[in-house]
Amino acid sequence: MPRVHACSVAGFPLLAALVVTAAIPTTLVEAKTFAGYDCIDDCAGHLAGYQWAEEHDIDDPDNCDANSQSFIEGCQAYALGMSPDIEDEEEEDDPPDDKSL
């Protein structure tokens, strides 16, 4: 069982965080979009729908019918003439410009 150590800061007792939480790996997940539609993972379903629509010359989004919402959205993107670009939605913070100091 993990040990909890007591300590104090400015006279207030605190409990040290359990080491167990530090052992949990964290991964930064970037949100992605495919032709403006949100992807759940790697946009593979959207890409498959887009490619299928391209192969079958689908030009009406109402002709995009499937069991997968991402496949449908990819098909609709093709039918609407949208670009199949996959974009990361995570914004990076730019460091401050040293010239402004």
C-alpha atoms as a PDB file:
ATOM      1  CA  MET A   1       0.000   0.000   0.000  1.00  0.00           C
ATOM      2  CA  PRO A   2       1.394   3.468  -0.845  1.00  0.00           C
ATOM      3  CA  ARG A   3       2.632   5.560   2.027  1.00  0.00           C
ATOM      4  CA  VAL A   4       1.286   9.019   2.687  1.00  0.00           C
ATOM      5  CA  HIS A   5       3.646  11.470   4.349  1.00  0.00           C
ATOM      6  CA  ALA A   6       2.471  14.432   6.370  1.00  0.00           C
ATOM      7  CA  CYS A   7       4.175  17.788   6.041  1.00  0.00           C
ATOM      8  CA  SER A   8       3.225  21.377   6.598  1.00  0.00           C
ATOM      9  CA  VAL A   9       3.462  24.591   4.675  1.00  0.00           C
ATOM     10  CA  ALA A  10       3.123  27.873   6.541  1.00  0.00           C
ATOM     11  CA  GLY A  11       1.848  25.950   9.565  1.00  0.00           C
ATOM     12  CA  PHE A  12      -0.939  24.130   7.670  1.00  0.00           C
ATOM     13  CA  PRO A  13      -0.733  20.320   7.546  1.00  0.00           C
ATOM     14  CA  LEU A  14      -0.656  18.852   4.050  1.00  0.00           C
ATOM     15  CA  LEU A  15      -0.643  15.329   2.737  1.00  0.00           C
ATOM     16  CA  ALA A  16       1.848  14.440   0.047  1.00  0.00           C
ATOM     17  CA  ALA A  17       0.280  13.221  -3.203  1.00  0.00           C
ATOM     18  CA  LEU A  18       0.181   9.504  -3.702  1.00  0.00           C
ATOM     19  CA  VAL A  19       2.957   8.219  -5.924  1.00  0.00           C
ATOM     20  CA  VAL A  20       0.407   6.095  -7.790  1.00  0.00           C
ATOM     21  CA  THR A  21      -0.942   9.129  -9.657  1.00  0.00           C
ATOM     22  CA  ALA A  22       2.526  10.055 -10.883  1.00  0.00           C
ATOM     23  CA  ALA A  23       2.906   6.628 -12.462  1.00  0.00           C
ATOM     24  CA  ILE A  24      -0.076   7.099 -14.791  1.00  0.00           C
ATOM     25  CA  PRO A  25       1.213   8.000 -18.257  1.00  0.00           C
ATOM     26  CA  THR A  26      -0.350  10.996 -19.917  1.00  0.00           C
ATOM     27  CA  THR A  27      -0.576  11.580 -23.629  1.00  0.00           C
ATOM     28  CA  LEU A  28      -1.397  14.796 -25.364  1.00  0.00           C
ATOM     29  CA  VAL A  29      -4.244  14.131 -27.762  1.00  0.00           C
ATOM     30  CA  GLU A  30      -4.657  16.533 -30.604  1.00  0.00           C
ATOM     31  CA  ALA A  31      -8.160  17.071 -31.868  1.00  0.00           C
ATOM     32  CA  LYS A  32      -8.300  16.609 -35.613  1.00  0.00           C
ATOM     33  CA  THR A  33     -10.794  17.626 -38.239  1.00  0.00           C
ATOM     34  CA  PHE A  34     -11.457  16.281 -41.718  1.00  0.00           C
ATOM     35  CA  ALA A  35     -12.923  18.853 -44.107  1.00  0.00           C
ATOM     36  CA  GLY A  36     -14.302  20.667 -41.063  1.00  0.00           C
ATOM     37  CA  TYR A  37     -15.819  17.572 -39.383  1.00  0.00           C
ATOM     38  CA  ASP A  38     -14.467  16.536 -35.963  1.00  0.00           C
ATOM     39  CA  CYS A  39     -12.545  13.246 -35.948  1.00  0.00           C
ATOM     40  CA  ILE A  40     -12.644  10.857 -33.037  1.00  0.00           C
ATOM     41  CA  ASP A  41      -9.246   9.314 -33.705  1.00  0.00           C
ATOM     42  CA  ASP A  42      -7.178   9.432 -36.887  1.00  0.00           C
ATOM     43  CA  CYS A  43      -9.939  10.422 -39.362  1.00  0.00           C
ATOM     44  CA  ALA A  44      -9.748   7.013 -41.068  1.00  0.00           C
ATOM     45  CA  GLY A  45     -13.541   6.716 -41.282  1.00  0.00           C
ATOM     46  CA  HIS A  46     -13.833  10.148 -42.867  1.00  0.00           C
ATOM     47  CA  LEU A  47     -11.087   9.361 -45.353  1.00  0.00           C
ATOM     48  CA  ALA A  48     -12.705   6.035 -46.265  1.00  0.00           C
ATOM     49  CA  GLY A  49     -16.039   7.748 -46.911  1.00  0.00           C
ATOM     50  CA  TYR A  50     -14.369  10.447 -48.986  1.00  0.00           C
ATOM     51  CA  GLN A  51     -12.491   7.892 -51.078  1.00  0.00           C
ATOM     52  CA  TRP A  52     -15.601   5.759 -51.565  1.00  0.00           C
ATOM     53  CA  ALA A  53     -17.585   8.784 -52.751  1.00  0.00           C
ATOM     54  CA  GLU A  54     -14.763   9.721 -55.111  1.00  0.00           C
ATOM     55  CA  GLU A  55     -14.635   6.182 -56.570  1.00  0.00           C
ATOM     56  CA  HIS A  56     -18.430   6.150 -57.053  1.00  0.00           C
ATOM     57  CA  ASP A  57     -18.732   9.740 -58.351  1.00  0.00           C
ATOM     58  CA  ILE A  58     -21.127  10.764 -55.572  1.00  0.00           C
ATOM     59  CA  ASP A  59     -22.270  14.335 -56.114  1.00  0.00           C
ATOM     60  CA  ASP A  60     -25.326  14.427 -53.822  1.00  0.00           C
ATOM     61  CA  PRO A  61     -24.738  14.303 -50.055  1.00  0.00           C
ATOM     62  CA  ASP A  62     -28.102  12.551 -49.645  1.00  0.00           C
ATOM     63  CA  ASN A  63     -26.550   9.534 -51.400  1.00  0.00           C
ATOM     64  CA  CYS A  64     -24.105   9.077 -48.528  1.00  0.00           C
ATOM     65  CA  ASP A  65     -25.626   6.316 -46.431  1.00  0.00           C
ATOM     66  CA  ALA A  66     -23.654   4.055 -44.103  1.00  0.00           C
ATOM     67  CA  ASN A  67     -23.543   2.690 -40.562  1.00  0.00           C
ATOM     68  CA  SER A  68     -20.657   4.988 -39.640  1.00  0.00           C
ATOM     69  CA  GLN A  69     -21.194   8.698 -39.024  1.00  0.00           C
ATOM     70  CA  SER A  70     -17.575   9.469 -39.901  1.00  0.00           C
ATOM     71  CA  PHE A  71     -17.900   7.554 -43.206  1.00  0.00           C
ATOM     72  CA  ILE A  72     -21.057   9.523 -44.016  1.00  0.00           C
ATOM     73  CA  GLU A  73     -19.348  12.821 -43.213  1.00  0.00           C
ATOM     74  CA  GLY A  74     -16.375  11.927 -45.423  1.00  0.00           C
ATOM     75  CA  CYS A  75     -18.726  11.021 -48.258  1.00  0.00           C
ATOM     76  CA  GLN A  76     -20.674  14.255 -47.789  1.00  0.00           C
ATOM     77  CA  ALA A  77     -17.448  16.248 -47.812  1.00  0.00           C
ATOM     78  CA  TYR A  78     -16.618  14.822 -51.245  1.00  0.00           C
ATOM     79  CA  ALA A  79     -20.154  15.373 -52.554  1.00  0.00           C
ATOM     80  CA  LEU A  80     -20.015  19.006 -51.420  1.00  0.00           C
ATOM     81  CA  GLY A  81     -16.630  19.541 -53.086  1.00  0.00           C
ATOM     82  CA  MET A  82     -14.754  20.040 -49.824  1.00  0.00           C
ATOM     83  CA  SER A  83     -11.019  19.486 -49.542  1.00  0.00           C
ATOM     84  CA  PRO A  84     -10.040  16.260 -47.733  1.00  0.00           C
ATOM     85  CA  ASP A  85      -7.512  18.038 -45.519  1.00  0.00           C
ATOM     86  CA  ILE A  86      -6.901  16.633 -42.060  1.00  0.00           C
ATOM     87  CA  GLU A  87      -6.015  19.406 -39.633  1.00  0.00           C
ATOM     88  CA  ASP A  88      -4.865  19.452 -36.025  1.00  0.00           C
ATOM     89  CA  GLU A  89      -7.018  21.691 -33.882  1.00  0.00           C
ATOM     90  CA  GLU A  90      -4.513  22.185 -31.057  1.00  0.00           C
ATOM     91  CA  GLU A  91      -3.220  25.724 -30.918  1.00  0.00           C
ATOM     92  CA  GLU A  92       0.302  26.396 -29.761  1.00  0.00           C
ATOM     93  CA  ASP A  93       1.151  29.335 -27.574  1.00  0.00           C
ATOM     94  CA  ASP A  94       3.735  31.530 -29.218  1.00  0.00           C
ATOM     95  CA  PRO A  95       6.555  32.671 -26.939  1.00  0.00           C
ATOM     96  CA  PRO A  96       6.593  36.406 -26.257  1.00  0.00           C
ATOM     97  CA  ASP A  97       8.480  38.518 -28.748  1.00  0.00           C
ATOM     98  CA  ASP A  98      11.792  39.570 -27.147  1.00  0.00           C
ATOM     99  CA  LYS A  99      11.780  42.825 -29.121  1.00  0.00           C
ATOM    100  CA  SER A 100       8.736  44.065 -27.176  1.00  0.00           C
ATOM    101  CA  LEU A 101      10.610  43.994 -23.846  1.00  0.00           C
END
